């Protein structure tokens, strides 16, 4: 496909899963807050879910995160994956990160129960680098970004199951982000019912964090 055709397809996909307070903020974050719907096949989603389920089942849902950012969740850091899952994660890394960009070796897995949500927060630059990329499994959800200094500027991302979202640069540091709770889960006028959602998140390495040093669970 010619370059113009690929750009048109990306624009069409973006128009259906990104909405904002105005054209200026949508344009400003067009490369900093990205959604790729249908990144995974149903078989790939099943592969990841089946691998994660035994480990997650051993944990209880929590309601008091260490910095009060998450409610109704369980999480883990996972470094060892099956060959099939590693191939999926390598595709995520190729899509979201620059060649040679150092990544945190453990992948962050966040399991939100149906009533769970992530409160508005800005990731710490001490524990995560400039880019995060997350796969959404099981349930659709809405991620809302709000400018920390100008709250009238906002962007919403519709994260359907099997989609990939990427946040980098300004979207990470100038905007808070959150996953809306079920009763608030709308994308424009469209109701997006929430159920249990798992996100599998790859993160770049902060400049001042040495490989092997533990990252923050808030990222």
Protein backbone atom coordinates (compact mmCIF):
# COMPACT_ATOMS: atom_id res chain seq x y z
CA UNK A 1 0.00 0.00 0.00
CA UNK A 2 1.29 3.47 -0.86
CA UNK A 3 2.27 5.84 1.95
CA UNK A 4 -0.74 8.04 1.35
CA UNK A 5 -3.06 5.05 1.67
CA UNK A 6 -1.48 4.01 4.97
CA UNK A 7 -1.83 7.54 6.34
CA UNK A 8 -5.48 7.61 5.30
CA UNK A 9 -6.16 4.33 7.07
CA UNK A 10 -4.43 5.57 10.23
CA UNK A 11 -6.47 8.78 10.14
CA UNK A 12 -9.69 6.82 9.67
CA UNK A 13 -8.88 4.52 12.59
CA UNK A 14 -7.95 7.48 14.78
CA UNK A 15 -11.17 9.37 13.98
CA UNK A 16 -13.19 6.50 15.46
CA UNK A 17 -11.31 6.07 18.73
CA UNK A 18 -9.96 9.53 19.63
CA UNK A 19 -12.01 12.61 20.51
CA UNK A 20 -10.97 15.86 22.17
CA UNK A 21 -12.04 19.24 23.42
CA UNK A 22 -11.08 20.79 20.08
CA UNK A 23 -9.02 20.36 16.93
CA UNK A 24 -5.96 22.00 18.50
CA UNK A 25 -5.54 19.42 21.27
CA UNK A 26 -6.28 16.53 18.90
CA UNK A 27 -3.60 17.83 16.54
CA UNK A 28 -1.16 18.52 19.37
CA UNK A 29 -1.37 14.93 20.63
CA UNK A 30 -1.74 13.13 17.31
CA UNK A 31 1.64 11.43 17.73
CA UNK A 32 1.74 11.49 21.54
CA UNK A 33 -1.55 9.66 22.26
CA UNK A 34 -2.11 6.92 19.71
CA UNK A 35 -4.63 4.08 19.49
CA UNK A 36 -4.30 1.16 17.11
CA UNK A 37 -7.58 -0.81 17.19
CA UNK A 38 -7.44 -4.49 16.32
CA UNK A 39 -3.72 -4.76 17.05
CA UNK A 40 -4.24 -8.27 18.41
CA UNK A 41 -6.15 -11.14 16.89
CA UNK A 42 -8.66 -13.01 19.04
CA UNK A 43 -6.20 -15.91 19.27
CA UNK A 44 -3.44 -13.57 20.47
CA UNK A 45 -5.73 -12.07 23.11
CA UNK A 46 -6.56 -15.60 24.28
CA UNK A 47 -2.86 -16.51 24.38
CA UNK A 48 -2.02 -13.60 26.68
CA UNK A 49 -5.11 -14.00 28.86
CA UNK A 50 -4.54 -17.73 29.33
CA UNK A 51 -0.92 -17.17 30.31
CA UNK A 52 -1.72 -14.41 32.79
CA UNK A 53 -4.76 -15.94 34.46
CA UNK A 54 -3.04 -18.44 36.80
CA UNK A 55 -0.69 -15.77 38.17
CA UNK A 56 -3.44 -13.17 38.59
CA UNK A 57 -5.78 -15.66 40.24
CA UNK A 58 -3.31 -16.05 43.08
CA UNK A 59 -3.69 -12.36 43.95
CA UNK A 60 -6.57 -10.49 45.59
CA UNK A 61 -8.13 -7.34 44.21
CA UNK A 62 -6.94 -4.30 46.14
CA UNK A 63 -8.71 -1.04 46.90
CA UNK A 64 -5.95 1.09 48.43
CA UNK A 65 -3.12 1.70 45.99
CA UNK A 66 0.09 3.03 47.52
CA UNK A 67 -0.46 6.49 45.96
CA UNK A 68 -4.30 6.23 45.73
CA UNK A 69 -4.19 6.13 41.93
CA UNK A 70 -5.99 2.81 41.34
CA UNK A 71 -9.14 1.26 42.84
CA UNK A 72 -10.26 -2.36 42.48
CA UNK A 73 -7.14 -3.85 40.94
CA UNK A 74 -4.50 -6.52 41.08
CA UNK A 75 -1.18 -6.26 39.33
CA UNK A 76 2.09 -7.99 38.69
CA UNK A 77 5.44 -7.46 36.98
CA UNK A 78 6.22 -10.27 34.56
CA UNK A 79 9.57 -10.94 32.92
CA UNK A 80 9.20 -14.55 31.76
CA UNK A 81 6.80 -15.25 28.88
CA UNK A 82 6.00 -18.09 26.54
CA UNK A 83 7.42 -17.92 23.03
CA UNK A 84 4.00 -17.00 21.61
CA UNK A 85 3.55 -14.13 24.07
CA UNK A 86 7.10 -12.89 23.51
CA UNK A 87 6.36 -12.63 19.80
CA UNK A 88 3.33 -10.45 20.58
CA UNK A 89 5.34 -8.21 22.91
CA UNK A 90 8.04 -7.84 20.28
CA UNK A 91 5.38 -6.51 17.90
CA UNK A 92 4.33 -4.00 20.56
CA UNK A 93 7.92 -2.87 21.00
CA UNK A 94 8.40 -2.47 17.25
CA UNK A 95 5.20 -0.43 16.95
CA UNK A 96 5.73 1.86 19.94
CA UNK A 97 9.44 2.33 20.61
CA UNK A 98 12.41 3.57 18.64
CA UNK A 99 15.00 0.98 17.56
CA UNK A 100 17.48 0.50 20.36
CA UNK A 101 15.37 2.41 22.91
CA UNK A 102 16.03 0.71 26.28
CA UNK A 103 12.97 -0.80 27.95
CA UNK A 104 12.18 -1.87 31.47
CA UNK A 105 12.57 -5.65 31.46
CA UNK A 106 9.48 -6.52 33.50
CA UNK A 107 6.17 -5.94 31.74
CA UNK A 108 3.52 -4.37 33.96
CA UNK A 109 0.20 -6.23 34.07
CA UNK A 110 -2.81 -4.41 35.57
CA UNK A 111 -6.08 -6.27 36.15
CA UNK A 112 -9.07 -4.01 36.88
CA UNK A 113 -12.25 -5.63 38.14
CA UNK A 114 -15.57 -4.52 36.60
CA UNK A 115 -15.95 -1.79 39.25
CA UNK A 116 -12.28 -0.85 39.18
CA UNK A 117 -10.83 2.33 37.73
CA UNK A 118 -7.65 4.37 37.48
CA UNK A 119 -7.84 7.87 38.93
CA UNK A 120 -6.33 10.89 37.14
CA UNK A 121 -2.57 10.92 37.61
CA UNK A 122 0.67 11.89 35.93
CA UNK A 123 3.31 9.17 35.77
CA UNK A 124 6.51 9.80 37.66
CA UNK A 125 9.51 10.58 35.46
CA UNK A 126 11.66 8.81 38.08
CA UNK A 127 10.26 5.37 37.34
CA UNK A 128 9.06 5.34 33.72
CA UNK A 129 10.64 6.73 30.58
CA UNK A 130 9.04 8.87 27.91
CA UNK A 131 6.91 6.12 26.31
CA UNK A 132 4.44 3.52 27.53
CA UNK A 133 2.48 1.12 25.32
CA UNK A 134 -0.45 -0.94 26.57
CA UNK A 135 -2.51 -3.79 25.19
CA UNK A 136 -6.16 -3.82 26.29
CA UNK A 137 -7.69 -7.24 26.94
CA UNK A 138 -11.23 -8.47 27.72
CA UNK A 139 -13.24 -5.25 28.12
CA UNK A 140 -13.53 -1.91 26.35
CA UNK A 141 -12.74 1.19 28.38
CA UNK A 142 -12.27 4.92 27.99
CA UNK A 143 -9.00 6.66 28.84
CA UNK A 144 -9.27 10.38 29.48
CA UNK A 145 -6.32 12.79 29.33
CA UNK A 146 -6.66 16.26 30.85
CA UNK A 147 -4.07 19.05 30.65
CA UNK A 148 -2.65 19.68 34.11
CA UNK A 149 -2.62 23.47 33.71
CA UNK A 150 -5.58 23.98 31.35
CA UNK A 151 -8.29 21.45 32.33
CA UNK A 152 -10.50 22.62 29.48
CA UNK A 153 -8.10 20.81 27.15
CA UNK A 154 -8.81 17.09 27.13
CA UNK A 155 -8.56 14.02 24.95
CA UNK A 156 -10.40 10.71 25.22
CA UNK A 157 -9.23 7.38 23.83
CA UNK A 158 -11.62 4.51 23.17
CA UNK A 159 -9.69 1.36 24.10
CA UNK A 160 -11.48 -1.60 22.60
CA UNK A 161 -10.37 -5.15 23.44
CA UNK A 162 -7.28 -6.16 21.44
CA UNK A 163 -6.28 -2.53 20.83
CA UNK A 164 -2.87 -1.00 21.49
CA UNK A 165 -2.49 2.45 23.01
CA UNK A 166 0.73 4.46 23.09
CA UNK A 167 1.41 7.49 25.29
CA UNK A 168 4.61 9.45 24.87
CA UNK A 169 6.10 12.86 25.58
CA UNK A 170 3.54 15.57 26.21
CA UNK A 171 0.70 13.09 26.74
CA UNK A 172 2.66 11.60 29.64
CA UNK A 173 3.93 14.72 31.37
CA UNK A 174 1.58 17.61 30.50
CA UNK A 175 -1.67 15.64 30.81
CA UNK A 176 -3.08 13.44 33.52
CA UNK A 177 -4.63 10.17 32.39
CA UNK A 178 -7.28 7.91 33.88
CA UNK A 179 -9.49 4.91 33.07
CA UNK A 180 -13.11 5.89 33.66
CA UNK A 181 -15.21 3.92 36.12
CA UNK A 182 -18.18 2.02 34.71
CA UNK A 183 -20.86 4.58 35.58
CA UNK A 184 -18.86 7.33 33.84
CA UNK A 185 -17.76 5.21 30.88
CA UNK A 186 -18.99 7.13 27.84
CA UNK A 187 -17.24 8.01 24.61
CA UNK A 188 -19.16 11.06 23.52
CA UNK A 189 -22.81 9.98 23.61
CA UNK A 190 -21.90 6.32 23.31
CA UNK A 191 -22.11 4.21 26.44
CA UNK A 192 -19.05 1.95 26.89
CA UNK A 193 -20.02 -0.69 29.48
CA UNK A 194 -17.06 -1.76 31.59
CA UNK A 195 -16.28 -5.26 32.76
CA UNK A 196 -13.04 -6.81 33.91
CA UNK A 197 -10.10 -5.35 31.96
CA UNK A 198 -6.46 -6.45 31.78
CA UNK A 199 -3.76 -4.17 30.40
CA UNK A 200 -0.30 -5.39 29.46
CA UNK A 201 2.07 -2.43 29.52
CA UNK A 202 5.59 -2.05 28.13
CA UNK A 203 7.62 0.95 29.31
CA UNK A 204 10.78 2.68 28.26
CA UNK A 205 13.60 3.00 30.75
CA UNK A 206 14.01 6.33 32.55
CA UNK A 207 17.36 7.98 32.00
CA UNK A 208 18.24 7.88 35.70
CA UNK A 209 17.03 4.32 36.39
CA UNK A 210 19.60 1.59 36.00
CA UNK A 211 18.60 -1.74 34.39
CA UNK A 212 17.39 -4.14 37.08
CA UNK A 213 16.26 -1.37 39.46
CA UNK A 214 12.56 -1.80 40.36
CA UNK A 215 10.08 0.52 38.62
CA UNK A 216 7.10 2.23 40.18
CA UNK A 217 3.86 0.20 40.17
CA UNK A 218 1.94 3.39 39.35
CA UNK A 219 3.09 3.53 35.74
